[in-house]
Amino acid sequence: MNASTPTSPSLRAYLAVNVILTFAQDDPEYGTQDIFDIQLPVNRKETNAVEFLDSKLFKRIAQKCHQFGRDPRQLTKISTAANWSVFAAKTGQRTLPDLGHTCKWYFGVGRDDLDSWEESLMHRYEFGVDVDMSWLKQFRARVQQTQAAVIADNANSTENATI
């Protein structure tokens, strides 16, 4: 039996997390992404998945940025995949996906779609604070305009076809 098998309360359990960090600046050797695995110890007394990750994952991500020679102020996205069944079995708590979270966090100045958790991470760890993402708002507006025009054109075509 390995340490991550949560069959006994006395055994240590670890949430295995695969992390993909996406940066605004391109690294000549690695491109815009760094990928790594991390093991987070799960205590049966964890209060919930959000507080668990908030206290254990993001400080380590900031450290990994520095370890990789990356500036956390250029970080635009954190994507994760984890064996959440270990967390659920060890704690009896709902997992982050069970709570409806995508297990992805976005950053950047000028975004209007960040939630309070992402804003808090930007403040605490300076994730994405040097990245101007205001173009995203303009891009979304153009996509919506294009979609509206296509819908209107389709409605117009349907109306002309029935006459």
C-alpha atoms as a PDB file:
ATOM      1  CA  MET A   1       0.000   0.000   0.000  1.00  0.00           C
ATOM      2  CA  ASN A   2       1.450   3.409  -0.877  1.00  0.00           C
ATOM      3  CA  ALA A   3       1.296   6.659   1.083  1.00  0.00           C
ATOM      4  CA  SER A   4      -1.388   8.188  -1.104  1.00  0.00           C
ATOM      5  CA  THR A   5      -3.882   5.359  -0.508  1.00  0.00           C
ATOM      6  CA  PRO A   6      -6.377   6.898   1.911  1.00  0.00           C
ATOM      7  CA  THR A   7      -7.660   3.670   3.491  1.00  0.00           C
ATOM      8  CA  SER A   8      -6.368   4.414   6.966  1.00  0.00           C
ATOM      9  CA  PRO A   9      -6.573   7.706   8.853  1.00  0.00           C
ATOM     10  CA  SER A  10      -3.003   7.224  10.113  1.00  0.00           C
ATOM     11  CA  LEU A  11      -1.443   6.979   6.640  1.00  0.00           C
ATOM     12  CA  ARG A  12      -0.249  10.151   4.959  1.00  0.00           C
ATOM     13  CA  ALA A  13      -2.184  11.031   1.855  1.00  0.00           C
ATOM     14  CA  TYR A  14      -1.030  13.304  -0.943  1.00  0.00           C
ATOM     15  CA  LEU A  15      -2.949  15.118  -3.608  1.00  0.00           C
ATOM     16  CA  ALA A  16      -0.936  14.615  -6.793  1.00  0.00           C
ATOM     17  CA  VAL A  17      -1.309  17.779  -8.873  1.00  0.00           C
ATOM     18  CA  ASN A  18      -0.156  18.295 -12.445  1.00  0.00           C
ATOM     19  CA  VAL A  19       0.397  22.025 -12.984  1.00  0.00           C
ATOM     20  CA  ILE A  20       0.705  23.977 -16.229  1.00  0.00           C
ATOM     21  CA  LEU A  21       1.825  27.582 -15.876  1.00  0.00           C
ATOM     22  CA  THR A  22       1.255  29.885 -18.837  1.00  0.00           C
ATOM     23  CA  PHE A  23       3.247  33.102 -19.093  1.00  0.00           C
ATOM     24  CA  ALA A  24       2.889  36.190 -21.262  1.00  0.00           C
ATOM     25  CA  GLN A  25       6.594  36.177 -22.073  1.00  0.00           C
ATOM     26  CA  ASP A  26       8.088  33.448 -24.211  1.00  0.00           C
ATOM     27  CA  ASP A  27      11.104  31.578 -22.867  1.00  0.00           C
ATOM     28  CA  PRO A  28      13.583  30.727 -25.672  1.00  0.00           C
ATOM     29  CA  GLU A  29      13.989  27.175 -24.379  1.00  0.00           C
ATOM     30  CA  TYR A  30      10.560  26.316 -22.975  1.00  0.00           C
ATOM     31  CA  GLY A  31       8.094  28.618 -24.738  1.00  0.00           C
ATOM     32  CA  THR A  32       5.245  30.178 -22.808  1.00  0.00           C
ATOM     33  CA  GLN A  33       4.539  27.218 -20.517  1.00  0.00           C
ATOM     34  CA  ASP A  34       6.169  25.330 -17.691  1.00  0.00           C
ATOM     35  CA  ILE A  35       4.736  21.975 -16.610  1.00  0.00           C
ATOM     36  CA  PHE A  36       5.452  20.128 -13.392  1.00  0.00           C
ATOM     37  CA  ASP A  37       3.942  17.768 -10.814  1.00  0.00           C
ATOM     38  CA  ILE A  38       3.605  18.526  -7.145  1.00  0.00           C
ATOM     39  CA  GLN A  39       2.463  16.492  -4.129  1.00  0.00           C
ATOM     40  CA  LEU A  40       0.357  18.277  -1.518  1.00  0.00           C
ATOM     41  CA  PRO A  41      -0.066  16.556   1.871  1.00  0.00           C
ATOM     42  CA  VAL A  42      -3.744  16.097   2.774  1.00  0.00           C
ATOM     43  CA  ASN A  43      -4.728  16.207   6.435  1.00  0.00           C
ATOM     44  CA  ARG A  44      -8.060  14.648   7.406  1.00  0.00           C
ATOM     45  CA  LYS A  45      -8.895  17.882   9.245  1.00  0.00           C
ATOM     46  CA  GLU A  46      -8.860  20.035   6.080  1.00  0.00           C
ATOM     47  CA  THR A  47     -11.883  22.328   6.235  1.00  0.00           C
ATOM     48  CA  ASN A  48     -12.560  22.544   2.483  1.00  0.00           C
ATOM     49  CA  ALA A  49     -10.916  22.243  -0.919  1.00  0.00           C
ATOM     50  CA  VAL A  50     -10.659  25.999  -1.529  1.00  0.00           C
ATOM     51  CA  GLU A  51      -8.813  26.712   1.715  1.00  0.00           C
ATOM     52  CA  PHE A  52      -6.676  23.603   1.212  1.00  0.00           C
ATOM     53  CA  LEU A  53      -5.378  24.781  -2.184  1.00  0.00           C
ATOM     54  CA  ASP A  54      -5.227  28.405  -1.122  1.00  0.00           C
ATOM     55  CA  SER A  55      -2.906  27.534   1.749  1.00  0.00           C
ATOM     56  CA  LYS A  56      -0.816  24.807   0.103  1.00  0.00           C
ATOM     57  CA  LEU A  57      -0.617  25.242  -3.670  1.00  0.00           C
ATOM     58  CA  PHE A  58      -0.081  28.869  -4.647  1.00  0.00           C
ATOM     59  CA  LYS A  59       2.915  29.624  -2.427  1.00  0.00           C
ATOM     60  CA  ARG A  60       4.618  26.624  -4.038  1.00  0.00           C
ATOM     61  CA  ILE A  61       3.672  27.871  -7.500  1.00  0.00           C
ATOM     62  CA  ALA A  62       5.296  31.228  -6.728  1.00  0.00           C
ATOM     63  CA  GLN A  63       8.419  29.347  -5.608  1.00  0.00           C
ATOM     64  CA  LYS A  64       8.390  27.244  -8.807  1.00  0.00           C
ATOM     65  CA  CYS A  65       8.202  30.416 -10.913  1.00  0.00           C
ATOM     66  CA  HIS A  66      11.416  31.646  -9.293  1.00  0.00           C
ATOM     67  CA  GLN A  67      12.994  28.184  -9.525  1.00  0.00           C
ATOM     68  CA  PHE A  68      12.281  28.142 -13.283  1.00  0.00           C
ATOM     69  CA  GLY A  69      13.620  31.695 -13.677  1.00  0.00           C
ATOM     70  CA  ARG A  70      10.125  32.954 -14.507  1.00  0.00           C
ATOM     71  CA  ASP A  71       8.579  36.177 -13.292  1.00  0.00           C
ATOM     72  CA  PRO A  72       5.253  35.493 -11.504  1.00  0.00           C
ATOM     73  CA  ARG A  73       4.165  38.997 -12.588  1.00  0.00           C
ATOM     74  CA  GLN A  74       4.073  37.567 -16.160  1.00  0.00           C
ATOM     75  CA  LEU A  75       1.877  34.584 -15.206  1.00  0.00           C
ATOM     76  CA  THR A  76      -1.454  34.612 -17.066  1.00  0.00           C
ATOM     77  CA  LYS A  77      -2.904  31.194 -16.248  1.00  0.00           C
ATOM     78  CA  ILE A  78      -2.566  28.255 -13.878  1.00  0.00           C
ATOM     79  CA  SER A  79      -4.129  24.990 -15.053  1.00  0.00           C
ATOM     80  CA  THR A  80      -4.257  21.944 -12.807  1.00  0.00           C
ATOM     81  CA  ALA A  81      -5.367  18.325 -12.831  1.00  0.00           C
ATOM     82  CA  ALA A  82      -5.364  16.323  -9.607  1.00  0.00           C
ATOM     83  CA  ASN A  83      -6.403  13.033  -8.044  1.00  0.00           C
ATOM     84  CA  TRP A  84      -9.195  14.676  -6.065  1.00  0.00           C
ATOM     85  CA  SER A  85     -10.562  11.308  -4.941  1.00  0.00           C
ATOM     86  CA  VAL A  86      -7.688  11.190  -2.434  1.00  0.00           C
ATOM     87  CA  PHE A  87      -8.780  14.517  -0.935  1.00  0.00           C
ATOM     88  CA  ALA A  88     -12.432  13.421  -0.756  1.00  0.00           C
ATOM     89  CA  ALA A  89     -11.593  10.055   0.826  1.00  0.00           C
ATOM     90  CA  LYS A  90      -9.187  11.519   3.386  1.00  0.00           C
ATOM     91  CA  THR A  91     -11.291  14.536   4.417  1.00  0.00           C
ATOM     92  CA  GLY A  92     -14.884  13.661   3.583  1.00  0.00           C
ATOM     93  CA  GLN A  93     -15.079  17.106   1.984  1.00  0.00           C
ATOM     94  CA  ARG A  94     -16.287  18.040  -1.493  1.00  0.00           C
ATOM     95  CA  THR A  95     -13.551  18.465  -4.077  1.00  0.00           C
ATOM     96  CA  LEU A  96     -12.881  21.601  -6.082  1.00  0.00           C
ATOM     97  CA  PRO A  97     -14.490  20.114  -9.230  1.00  0.00           C
ATOM     98  CA  ASP A  98     -17.478  19.027  -7.096  1.00  0.00           C
ATOM     99  CA  LEU A  99     -17.832  22.686  -6.098  1.00  0.00           C
ATOM    100  CA  GLY A 100     -18.023  23.626  -9.781  1.00  0.00           C
ATOM    101  CA  HIS A 101     -14.509  25.033 -10.106  1.00  0.00           C
ATOM    102  CA  THR A 102     -12.545  24.426 -13.324  1.00  0.00           C
ATOM    103  CA  CYS A 103      -9.223  24.131 -11.437  1.00  0.00           C
ATOM    104  CA  LYS A 104      -7.881  26.951 -13.618  1.00  0.00           C
ATOM    105  CA  TRP A 105      -6.990  30.467 -12.524  1.00  0.00           C
ATOM    106  CA  TYR A 106      -6.484  33.455 -14.822  1.00  0.00           C
ATOM    107  CA  PHE A 107      -4.537  36.668 -14.206  1.00  0.00           C
ATOM    108  CA  GLY A 108      -3.750  39.973 -15.834  1.00  0.00           C
ATOM    109  CA  VAL A 109      -4.443  43.676 -15.525  1.00  0.00           C
ATOM    110  CA  GLY A 110      -7.502  44.979 -17.349  1.00  0.00           C
ATOM    111  CA  ARG A 111      -9.496  41.745 -17.193  1.00  0.00           C
ATOM    112  CA  ASP A 112     -13.115  42.128 -16.190  1.00  0.00           C
ATOM    113  CA  ASP A 113     -13.775  38.410 -15.744  1.00  0.00           C
ATOM    114  CA  LEU A 114     -11.587  37.584 -12.724  1.00  0.00           C
ATOM    115  CA  ASP A 115     -13.220  36.197  -9.612  1.00  0.00           C
ATOM    116  CA  SER A 116     -12.313  37.265  -6.078  1.00  0.00           C
ATOM    117  CA  TRP A 117      -9.975  34.284  -5.615  1.00  0.00           C
ATOM    118  CA  GLU A 118      -7.973  35.202  -8.734  1.00  0.00           C
ATOM    119  CA  GLU A 119      -7.835  38.856  -7.637  1.00  0.00           C
ATOM    120  CA  SER A 120      -6.636  37.781  -4.202  1.00  0.00           C
ATOM    121  CA  LEU A 121      -3.864  35.631  -5.735  1.00  0.00           C
ATOM    122  CA  MET A 122      -2.785  38.565  -7.904  1.00  0.00           C
ATOM    123  CA  HIS A 123      -2.556  40.732  -4.797  1.00  0.00           C
ATOM    124  CA  ARG A 124      -0.758  38.165  -2.599  1.00  0.00           C
ATOM    125  CA  TYR A 125       1.681  36.686  -5.128  1.00  0.00           C
ATOM    126  CA  GLU A 126       1.698  39.356  -7.863  1.00  0.00           C
ATOM    127  CA  PHE A 127       0.532  36.783 -10.415  1.00  0.00           C
ATOM    128  CA  GLY A 128      -0.032  38.563 -13.736  1.00  0.00           C
ATOM    129  CA  VAL A 129       0.326  42.117 -12.419  1.00  0.00           C
ATOM    130  CA  ASP A 130       2.658  43.118 -15.275  1.00  0.00           C
ATOM    131  CA  VAL A 131       0.448  41.684 -18.039  1.00  0.00           C
ATOM    132  CA  ASP A 132      -1.958  43.982 -19.872  1.00  0.00           C
ATOM    133  CA  MET A 133      -4.986  41.856 -20.693  1.00  0.00           C
ATOM    134  CA  SER A 134      -7.310  44.742 -21.605  1.00  0.00           C
ATOM    135  CA  TRP A 135      -7.280  43.477 -25.206  1.00  0.00           C
ATOM    136  CA  LEU A 136      -9.317  40.492 -24.037  1.00  0.00           C
ATOM    137  CA  LYS A 137     -12.321  42.651 -23.216  1.00  0.00           C
ATOM    138  CA  GLN A 138     -12.151  44.222 -26.698  1.00  0.00           C
ATOM    139  CA  PHE A 139     -11.717  40.802 -28.313  1.00  0.00           C
ATOM    140  CA  ARG A 140     -14.803  39.436 -26.525  1.00  0.00           C
ATOM    141  CA  ALA A 141     -16.820  42.454 -27.653  1.00  0.00           C
ATOM    142  CA  ARG A 142     -15.779  41.853 -31.292  1.00  0.00           C
ATOM    143  CA  VAL A 143     -16.687  38.167 -31.041  1.00  0.00           C
ATOM    144  CA  GLN A 144     -20.110  39.061 -29.637  1.00  0.00           C
ATOM    145  CA  GLN A 145     -20.652  41.588 -32.441  1.00  0.00           C
ATOM    146  CA  THR A 146     -19.664  38.998 -35.045  1.00  0.00           C
ATOM    147  CA  GLN A 147     -21.962  36.393 -33.501  1.00  0.00           C
ATOM    148  CA  ALA A 148     -24.851  38.880 -33.434  1.00  0.00           C
ATOM    149  CA  ALA A 149     -24.243  39.752 -37.088  1.00  0.00           C
ATOM    150  CA  VAL A 150     -24.201  36.065 -38.078  1.00  0.00           C
ATOM    151  CA  ILE A 151     -27.416  35.413 -36.165  1.00  0.00           C
ATOM    152  CA  ALA A 152     -29.071  38.441 -37.758  1.00  0.00           C
ATOM    153  CA  ASP A 153     -27.874  37.367 -41.209  1.00  0.00           C
ATOM    154  CA  ASN A 154     -29.166  33.827 -40.644  1.00  0.00           C
ATOM    155  CA  ALA A 155     -32.531  35.165 -39.487  1.00  0.00           C
ATOM    156  CA  ASN A 156     -32.661  37.444 -42.529  1.00  0.00           C
ATOM    157  CA  SER A 157     -31.774  34.562 -44.867  1.00  0.00           C
ATOM    158  CA  THR A 158     -34.435  32.346 -43.306  1.00  0.00           C
ATOM    159  CA  GLU A 159     -36.998  35.120 -43.609  1.00  0.00           C
ATOM    160  CA  ASN A 160     -36.157  35.679 -47.298  1.00  0.00           C
ATOM    161  CA  ALA A 161     -36.273  31.936 -48.013  1.00  0.00           C
ATOM    162  CA  THR A 162     -39.794  31.623 -46.652  1.00  0.00           C
ATOM    163  CA  ILE A 163     -41.203  34.472 -48.746  1.00  0.00           C
END
